[in-house]
Amino acid sequence: MDRKVIVFIAMSLDGYIARENGSIDWLLENAPTDPEEYGYSDFYKTIDTVIMGKATYDQLPELSDSFPYADKKCYVFSRTASGRDEHVEFVNEEIGPFVEKLKSQPGAHIWLVGGGELIEGFMEANVVDEFMIGVIPVLIGKGIPLFKKNNRETRLKLKKHFRFGDCVMLHYEVRAGKPSPSGLG
């Protein structure tokens, strides 16, 4: 099996993954609580590696009493932390070569948890293979966007979509190749 980097994430209908201060209270208040409903359990079985940014990692204790990915290999990209702690290995490398090395090793898919800045870096390095985005029916007005204004042009192909409660899950794969100079075709 070819390993893929998959962004599995929720966003508000207006495109934000968190408030400006990093809070996801809007998500906790509006998203269904049953992971089966939005495919999380099935998705989680397909991965063996989790990657996130340091701010996302630091937020985990607010969301769970225990480390939620203890059964997976976990990496945290950080500009300040290095080495390991009891749960993760900190990464201070360039994204492209790091992911290339990971993908060359045997294993299952790789979950890019977030946050926004790290997802942007992965997109710029052209190493994201799929997006699974849960669209939550709430407009929060401002916050940390899933996609930055100047992300590289990326073509996607819809693999699957389904409704869960008042939410929608969109599953896209990144199309290979470069966009035409005009942005068309």
C-alpha atoms as a PDB file:
ATOM      1  CA  MET A   1       0.000   0.000   0.000  1.00  0.00           C
ATOM      2  CA  ASP A   2       1.245   3.442  -0.874  1.00  0.00           C
ATOM      3  CA  ARG A   3       1.243   5.616   2.196  1.00  0.00           C
ATOM      4  CA  LYS A   4      -0.777   8.800   1.879  1.00  0.00           C
ATOM      5  CA  VAL A   5      -0.775  12.003   3.880  1.00  0.00           C
ATOM      6  CA  ILE A   6      -4.404  12.757   4.708  1.00  0.00           C
ATOM      7  CA  VAL A   7      -5.747  15.927   6.292  1.00  0.00           C
ATOM      8  CA  PHE A   8      -8.768  14.818   8.382  1.00  0.00           C
ATOM      9  CA  ILE A   9     -10.233  17.921   9.958  1.00  0.00           C
ATOM     10  CA  ALA A  10     -13.385  19.880  10.742  1.00  0.00           C
ATOM     11  CA  MET A  11     -14.050  23.438   9.668  1.00  0.00           C
ATOM     12  CA  SER A  12     -16.846  25.941  10.091  1.00  0.00           C
ATOM     13  CA  LEU A  13     -18.990  26.644   7.048  1.00  0.00           C
ATOM     14  CA  ASP A  14     -17.057  29.883   6.588  1.00  0.00           C
ATOM     15  CA  GLY A  15     -13.748  28.001   6.428  1.00  0.00           C
ATOM     16  CA  TYR A  16     -12.203  28.261   9.899  1.00  0.00           C
ATOM     17  CA  ILE A  17     -10.644  25.445  11.940  1.00  0.00           C
ATOM     18  CA  ALA A  18     -10.394  27.464  15.156  1.00  0.00           C
ATOM     19  CA  ARG A  19     -11.074  30.888  16.596  1.00  0.00           C
ATOM     20  CA  GLU A  20      -8.269  33.450  16.465  1.00  0.00           C
ATOM     21  CA  ASN A  21      -7.175  32.355  19.963  1.00  0.00           C
ATOM     22  CA  GLY A  22      -7.116  28.683  18.913  1.00  0.00           C
ATOM     23  CA  SER A  23     -10.375  27.773  20.666  1.00  0.00           C
ATOM     24  CA  ILE A  24     -12.582  25.131  19.073  1.00  0.00           C
ATOM     25  CA  ASP A  25     -15.550  25.677  21.397  1.00  0.00           C
ATOM     26  CA  TRP A  26     -17.787  26.223  18.334  1.00  0.00           C
ATOM     27  CA  LEU A  27     -16.869  22.736  17.097  1.00  0.00           C
ATOM     28  CA  LEU A  28     -17.507  21.043  20.419  1.00  0.00           C
ATOM     29  CA  GLU A  29     -20.913  22.756  20.622  1.00  0.00           C
ATOM     30  CA  ASN A  30     -22.042  22.006  17.040  1.00  0.00           C
ATOM     31  CA  ALA A  31     -20.484  18.734  15.855  1.00  0.00           C
ATOM     32  CA  PRO A  32     -22.036  15.311  16.417  1.00  0.00           C
ATOM     33  CA  THR A  33     -20.409  13.496  19.319  1.00  0.00           C
ATOM     34  CA  ASP A  34     -20.535   9.967  17.860  1.00  0.00           C
ATOM     35  CA  PRO A  35     -17.297   9.319  15.897  1.00  0.00           C
ATOM     36  CA  GLU A  36     -19.023   6.540  13.946  1.00  0.00           C
ATOM     37  CA  GLU A  37     -21.376   9.123  12.501  1.00  0.00           C
ATOM     38  CA  TYR A  38     -18.656  11.055  10.678  1.00  0.00           C
ATOM     39  CA  GLY A  39     -16.309   8.162   9.816  1.00  0.00           C
ATOM     40  CA  TYR A  40     -13.582   8.857  12.359  1.00  0.00           C
ATOM     41  CA  SER A  41     -13.318   5.275  13.634  1.00  0.00           C
ATOM     42  CA  ASP A  42     -13.009   3.838  10.127  1.00  0.00           C
ATOM     43  CA  PHE A  43     -10.486   6.512   9.174  1.00  0.00           C
ATOM     44  CA  TYR A  44      -8.432   5.964  12.342  1.00  0.00           C
ATOM     45  CA  LYS A  45      -7.984   2.279  11.445  1.00  0.00           C
ATOM     46  CA  THR A  46      -6.289   3.263   8.164  1.00  0.00           C
ATOM     47  CA  ILE A  47      -3.453   5.251   9.771  1.00  0.00           C
ATOM     48  CA  ASP A  48      -0.424   4.377  11.863  1.00  0.00           C
ATOM     49  CA  THR A  49       1.207   7.809  12.018  1.00  0.00           C
ATOM     50  CA  VAL A  50      -0.072  11.160  13.301  1.00  0.00           C
ATOM     51  CA  ILE A  51       1.509  14.541  12.551  1.00  0.00           C
ATOM     52  CA  MET A  52       0.541  17.851  14.121  1.00  0.00           C
ATOM     53  CA  GLY A  53       1.911  21.264  14.952  1.00  0.00           C
ATOM     54  CA  LYS A  54       3.057  22.273  18.419  1.00  0.00           C
ATOM     55  CA  ALA A  55       0.046  24.519  19.122  1.00  0.00           C
ATOM     56  CA  THR A  56      -2.313  21.645  18.283  1.00  0.00           C
ATOM     57  CA  TYR A  57      -0.294  19.296  20.494  1.00  0.00           C
ATOM     58  CA  ASP A  58      -0.377  21.782  23.386  1.00  0.00           C
ATOM     59  CA  GLN A  59      -4.193  21.981  23.072  1.00  0.00           C
ATOM     60  CA  LEU A  60      -4.769  18.202  23.396  1.00  0.00           C
ATOM     61  CA  PRO A  61      -5.010  18.143  27.234  1.00  0.00           C
ATOM     62  CA  GLU A  62      -8.037  20.467  26.964  1.00  0.00           C
ATOM     63  CA  LEU A  63      -9.778  17.956  24.703  1.00  0.00           C
ATOM     64  CA  SER A  64      -8.964  14.661  26.370  1.00  0.00           C
ATOM     65  CA  ASP A  65      -7.926  13.336  29.770  1.00  0.00           C
ATOM     66  CA  SER A  66      -5.374  11.035  28.159  1.00  0.00           C
ATOM     67  CA  PHE A  67      -3.216  11.261  25.051  1.00  0.00           C
ATOM     68  CA  PRO A  68      -5.626  10.231  22.259  1.00  0.00           C
ATOM     69  CA  TYR A  69      -3.064   8.757  19.846  1.00  0.00           C
ATOM     70  CA  ALA A  70      -1.036   6.518  22.153  1.00  0.00           C
ATOM     71  CA  ASP A  71      -1.385   3.584  19.743  1.00  0.00           C
ATOM     72  CA  LYS A  72       0.147   5.540  16.807  1.00  0.00           C
ATOM     73  CA  LYS A  73       3.586   6.911  15.960  1.00  0.00           C
ATOM     74  CA  CYS A  74       3.282  10.654  16.608  1.00  0.00           C
ATOM     75  CA  TYR A  75       5.340  13.548  15.311  1.00  0.00           C
ATOM     76  CA  VAL A  76       5.014  17.208  16.293  1.00  0.00           C
ATOM     77  CA  PHE A  77       6.551  19.895  14.101  1.00  0.00           C
ATOM     78  CA  SER A  78       8.043  22.584  16.304  1.00  0.00           C
ATOM     79  CA  ARG A  79      10.438  25.504  16.047  1.00  0.00           C
ATOM     80  CA  THR A  80      11.271  25.337  19.761  1.00  0.00           C
ATOM     81  CA  ALA A  81      10.900  21.790  21.112  1.00  0.00           C
ATOM     82  CA  SER A  82      13.211  18.968  20.090  1.00  0.00           C
ATOM     83  CA  GLY A  83      13.833  15.367  21.012  1.00  0.00           C
ATOM     84  CA  ARG A  84      10.991  13.336  22.478  1.00  0.00           C
ATOM     85  CA  ASP A  85       8.536  13.382  25.309  1.00  0.00           C
ATOM     86  CA  GLU A  86       6.361  10.559  26.620  1.00  0.00           C
ATOM     87  CA  HIS A  87       3.996  10.744  23.612  1.00  0.00           C
ATOM     88  CA  VAL A  88       5.673  12.268  20.568  1.00  0.00           C
ATOM     89  CA  GLU A  89       8.861  12.907  18.668  1.00  0.00           C
ATOM     90  CA  PHE A  90       9.468  16.572  17.864  1.00  0.00           C
ATOM     91  CA  VAL A  91      10.459  17.429  14.292  1.00  0.00           C
ATOM     92  CA  ASN A  92      12.607  20.391  13.293  1.00  0.00           C
ATOM     93  CA  GLU A  93      13.213  19.269   9.694  1.00  0.00           C
ATOM     94  CA  GLU A  94      11.984  20.540   6.346  1.00  0.00           C
ATOM     95  CA  ILE A  95       8.542  19.114   5.569  1.00  0.00           C
ATOM     96  CA  GLY A  96       9.255  17.696   2.094  1.00  0.00           C
ATOM     97  CA  PRO A  97      12.264  15.519   2.935  1.00  0.00           C
ATOM     98  CA  PHE A  98      10.695  14.401   6.228  1.00  0.00           C
ATOM     99  CA  VAL A  99       7.500  13.215   4.531  1.00  0.00           C
ATOM    100  CA  GLU A 100       9.453  11.588   1.700  1.00  0.00           C
ATOM    101  CA  LYS A 101      11.391   9.604   4.303  1.00  0.00           C
ATOM    102  CA  LEU A 102       8.173   8.600   6.105  1.00  0.00           C
ATOM    103  CA  LYS A 103       6.468   7.513   2.899  1.00  0.00           C
ATOM    104  CA  SER A 104       9.459   5.376   1.922  1.00  0.00           C
ATOM    105  CA  GLN A 105       9.016   3.308   5.085  1.00  0.00           C
ATOM    106  CA  PRO A 106       6.434   0.532   5.232  1.00  0.00           C
ATOM    107  CA  GLY A 107       3.252   1.409   7.038  1.00  0.00           C
ATOM    108  CA  ALA A 108      -0.304   2.672   6.832  1.00  0.00           C
ATOM    109  CA  HIS A 109      -1.516   6.161   5.979  1.00  0.00           C
ATOM    110  CA  ILE A 110      -0.364   9.326   7.744  1.00  0.00           C
ATOM    111  CA  TRP A 111      -2.833  11.713   9.402  1.00  0.00           C
ATOM    112  CA  LEU A 112      -1.992  15.395   9.251  1.00  0.00           C
ATOM    113  CA  VAL A 113      -4.102  16.638  12.181  1.00  0.00           C
ATOM    114  CA  GLY A 114      -3.298  20.362  11.908  1.00  0.00           C
ATOM    115  CA  GLY A 115      -3.050  23.198  12.608  1.00  0.00           C
ATOM    116  CA  GLY A 116      -3.489  25.721   9.864  1.00  0.00           C
ATOM    117  CA  GLU A 117       0.120  26.835   9.592  1.00  0.00           C
ATOM    118  CA  LEU A 118       1.388  23.253   9.342  1.00  0.00           C
ATOM    119  CA  ILE A 119      -1.259  22.318   6.767  1.00  0.00           C
ATOM    120  CA  GLU A 120      -0.174  25.362   4.732  1.00  0.00           C
ATOM    121  CA  GLY A 121       3.448  24.164   4.914  1.00  0.00           C
ATOM    122  CA  PHE A 122       2.473  20.662   3.804  1.00  0.00           C
ATOM    123  CA  MET A 123       0.505  22.113   0.891  1.00  0.00           C
ATOM    124  CA  GLU A 124       3.438  24.295  -0.120  1.00  0.00           C
ATOM    125  CA  ALA A 125       5.693  21.220  -0.012  1.00  0.00           C
ATOM    126  CA  ASN A 126       3.105  19.441  -2.201  1.00  0.00           C
ATOM    127  CA  VAL A 127       2.900  16.404   0.112  1.00  0.00           C
ATOM    128  CA  VAL A 128      -0.827  16.278   0.961  1.00  0.00           C
ATOM    129  CA  ASP A 129      -2.551  13.410  -0.862  1.00  0.00           C
ATOM    130  CA  GLU A 130      -6.127  13.683   0.422  1.00  0.00           C
ATOM    131  CA  PHE A 131      -8.444  15.969   2.382  1.00  0.00           C
ATOM    132  CA  MET A 132     -11.306  14.711   4.537  1.00  0.00           C
ATOM    133  CA  ILE A 133     -13.134  17.812   5.710  1.00  0.00           C
ATOM    134  CA  GLY A 134     -16.126  17.808   8.019  1.00  0.00           C
ATOM    135  CA  VAL A 135     -18.083  21.003   7.355  1.00  0.00           C
ATOM    136  CA  ILE A 136     -19.837  22.102  10.536  1.00  0.00           C
ATOM    137  CA  PRO A 137     -22.962  24.286  10.125  1.00  0.00           C
ATOM    138  CA  VAL A 138     -21.799  27.325  12.026  1.00  0.00           C
ATOM    139  CA  LEU A 139     -20.362  30.655  10.869  1.00  0.00           C
ATOM    140  CA  ILE A 140     -17.785  31.924  13.341  1.00  0.00           C
ATOM    141  CA  GLY A 141     -16.896  35.079  11.400  1.00  0.00           C
ATOM    142  CA  LYS A 142     -13.152  35.060  11.923  1.00  0.00           C
ATOM    143  CA  GLY A 143     -10.448  32.743  13.085  1.00  0.00           C
ATOM    144  CA  ILE A 144      -7.722  30.459  11.783  1.00  0.00           C
ATOM    145  CA  PRO A 145      -8.618  29.487   8.214  1.00  0.00           C
ATOM    146  CA  LEU A 146      -8.136  25.969   6.919  1.00  0.00           C
ATOM    147  CA  PHE A 147      -6.822  27.366   3.649  1.00  0.00           C
ATOM    148  CA  LYS A 148      -4.690  30.491   3.522  1.00  0.00           C
ATOM    149  CA  LYS A 149      -5.284  33.172   0.891  1.00  0.00           C
ATOM    150  CA  ASN A 150      -2.024  32.455  -0.903  1.00  0.00           C
ATOM    151  CA  ASN A 151      -1.941  28.651  -0.838  1.00  0.00           C
ATOM    152  CA  ARG A 152      -0.645  27.108  -4.030  1.00  0.00           C
ATOM    153  CA  GLU A 153      -3.268  26.153  -6.573  1.00  0.00           C
ATOM    154  CA  THR A 154      -4.254  22.555  -5.904  1.00  0.00           C
ATOM    155  CA  ARG A 155      -6.649  20.501  -7.991  1.00  0.00           C
ATOM    156  CA  LEU A 156      -8.872  18.033  -6.209  1.00  0.00           C
ATOM    157  CA  LYS A 157     -11.115  15.141  -7.173  1.00  0.00           C
ATOM    158  CA  LEU A 158     -14.147  14.298  -5.029  1.00  0.00           C
ATOM    159  CA  LYS A 159     -13.856  10.694  -3.817  1.00  0.00           C
ATOM    160  CA  LYS A 160     -16.818  10.605  -1.462  1.00  0.00           C
ATOM    161  CA  HIS A 161     -19.264  12.787   0.428  1.00  0.00           C
ATOM    162  CA  PHE A 162     -21.922  12.107   3.004  1.00  0.00           C
ATOM    163  CA  ARG A 163     -24.171  13.858   5.451  1.00  0.00           C
ATOM    164  CA  PHE A 164     -23.975  13.334   9.203  1.00  0.00           C
ATOM    165  CA  GLY A 165     -26.574  15.240  11.177  1.00  0.00           C
ATOM    166  CA  ASP A 166     -26.532  18.777   9.811  1.00  0.00           C
ATOM    167  CA  CYS A 167     -22.890  18.401   8.786  1.00  0.00           C
ATOM    168  CA  VAL A 168     -21.248  17.212   5.569  1.00  0.00           C
ATOM    169  CA  MET A 169     -18.052  15.188   5.131  1.00  0.00           C
ATOM    170  CA  LEU A 170     -16.132  15.916   1.940  1.00  0.00           C
ATOM    171  CA  HIS A 171     -13.367  13.509   0.899  1.00  0.00           C
ATOM    172  CA  TYR A 172     -11.067  14.751  -1.865  1.00  0.00           C
ATOM    173  CA  GLU A 173      -7.891  13.374  -3.358  1.00  0.00           C
ATOM    174  CA  VAL A 174      -5.230  15.715  -4.701  1.00  0.00           C
ATOM    175  CA  ARG A 175      -4.890  15.387  -8.449  1.00  0.00           C
ATOM    176  CA  ALA A 176      -1.400  14.743  -9.732  1.00  0.00           C
ATOM    177  CA  GLY A 177       0.197  17.213 -12.097  1.00  0.00           C
ATOM    178  CA  LYS A 178       0.542  20.941 -12.190  1.00  0.00           C
ATOM    179  CA  PRO A 179      -2.229  23.379 -13.024  1.00  0.00           C
ATOM    180  CA  SER A 180      -2.070  25.148 -16.352  1.00  0.00           C
ATOM    181  CA  PRO A 181      -0.578  28.686 -16.297  1.00  0.00           C
ATOM    182  CA  SER A 182      -4.016  30.211 -16.908  1.00  0.00           C
ATOM    183  CA  GLY A 183      -5.493  28.275 -14.014  1.00  0.00           C
ATOM    184  CA  LEU A 184      -7.928  26.672 -16.472  1.00  0.00           C
ATOM    185  CA  GLY A 185      -7.927  23.215 -18.017  1.00  0.00           C
END
